[in-house]
Amino acid sequence: MKLDVKKLKRIIAEEKKKLKSKGLVSQETKEDSWSGGENLVNKIDYIKKLGIQESAFRRKADALGRLRRKLHVMMSEEA
């Protein structure tokens, strides 16, 4: 299937219509929404929303690294 401008616009319009019907796209925007990003309709903190806990994983990885080094030292002393 070869895409031209008309087909691409039609596909985008169809997808937008589907998202609006599911309520995933808001039709209301706040005034001057392009000015800075602080006043957009859907402000989402993706790190909180996705449950990303990088610092907790970093602490666990560091602790495991320390244990691995201790184990390596202990094994090399026994040999």
Protein backbone atom coordinates (compact mmCIF):
# COMPACT_ATOMS: atom_id res chain seq x y z
CA MET A 1 0.00 0.00 0.00
CA LYS A 2 1.50 3.30 -1.07
CA LEU A 3 0.80 6.24 1.22
CA ASP A 4 0.08 9.62 -0.20
CA VAL A 5 -0.96 12.77 1.62
CA LYS A 6 -4.71 12.12 1.28
CA LYS A 7 -4.47 8.55 2.58
CA LEU A 8 -2.27 9.59 5.46
CA LYS A 9 -4.67 12.38 6.48
CA ARG A 10 -7.59 9.95 6.27
CA ILE A 11 -5.81 7.38 8.45
CA ILE A 12 -4.94 10.03 11.04
CA ALA A 13 -8.52 11.32 11.07
CA GLU A 14 -9.88 7.79 11.56
CA GLU A 15 -7.50 7.06 14.43
CA LYS A 16 -8.30 10.39 16.07
CA LYS A 17 -12.01 9.64 15.79
CA LYS A 18 -11.48 6.23 17.43
CA LEU A 19 -9.52 7.77 20.30
CA LYS A 20 -12.16 10.47 20.83
CA SER A 21 -14.94 7.88 20.90
CA LYS A 22 -13.05 5.95 23.59
CA GLY A 23 -12.54 9.14 25.59
CA LEU A 24 -8.75 9.03 25.35
CA VAL A 25 -8.38 12.39 23.61
CA SER A 26 -9.77 15.52 25.16
CA GLN A 27 -11.43 18.00 22.85
CA GLU A 28 -11.08 20.82 25.36
CA THR A 29 -7.79 22.64 25.59
CA LYS A 30 -6.76 25.44 27.86
CA GLU A 31 -5.93 28.84 26.48
CA ASP A 32 -2.40 29.23 25.15
CA SER A 33 -1.54 25.56 25.51
CA TRP A 34 1.48 25.84 23.23
CA SER A 35 3.21 28.52 25.26
CA GLY A 36 5.10 26.52 27.82
CA GLY A 37 3.82 23.10 28.68
CA GLU A 38 2.60 23.92 32.18
CA ASN A 39 -0.97 24.49 31.04
CA LEU A 40 -1.69 21.42 28.93
CA VAL A 41 -4.93 19.50 29.36
CA ASN A 42 -3.43 16.20 30.51
CA LYS A 43 -0.50 16.75 32.84
CA ILE A 44 0.93 13.31 33.50
CA ASP A 45 3.94 12.40 35.56
CA TYR A 46 4.95 9.32 33.61
CA ILE A 47 7.48 8.19 36.19
CA LYS A 48 4.75 8.02 38.85
CA LYS A 49 2.13 6.68 36.45
CA LEU A 50 4.33 3.84 35.22
CA GLY A 51 5.65 3.12 38.71
CA ILE A 52 9.27 3.62 37.74
CA GLN A 53 11.45 3.32 40.82
CA GLU A 54 14.94 3.78 39.45
CA SER A 55 16.53 4.79 42.75
CA ALA A 56 15.18 1.70 44.53
CA PHE A 57 16.50 -0.55 41.77
CA ARG A 58 19.85 1.27 41.84
CA ARG A 59 20.18 0.68 45.61
CA LYS A 60 19.36 -3.03 45.18
CA ALA A 61 21.86 -3.37 42.33
CA ASP A 62 24.56 -1.65 44.39
CA ALA A 63 23.90 -3.93 47.36
CA LEU A 64 24.07 -7.01 45.13
CA GLY A 65 27.33 -5.74 43.65
CA ARG A 66 28.85 -5.33 47.11
CA LEU A 67 27.74 -8.85 48.08
CA ARG A 68 29.17 -10.26 44.86
CA ARG A 69 32.54 -8.59 45.52
CA LYS A 70 32.60 -9.93 49.12
CA LEU A 71 31.78 -13.41 47.86
CA HIS A 72 34.53 -13.18 45.25
CA VAL A 73 37.05 -12.14 47.92
CA MET A 74 35.95 -14.95 50.23
CA MET A 75 36.23 -17.55 47.47
CA SER A 76 39.65 -16.32 46.39
CA GLU A 77 40.91 -16.47 50.02
CA GLU A 78 39.74 -20.09 50.39
CA ALA A 79 41.50 -21.24 47.22
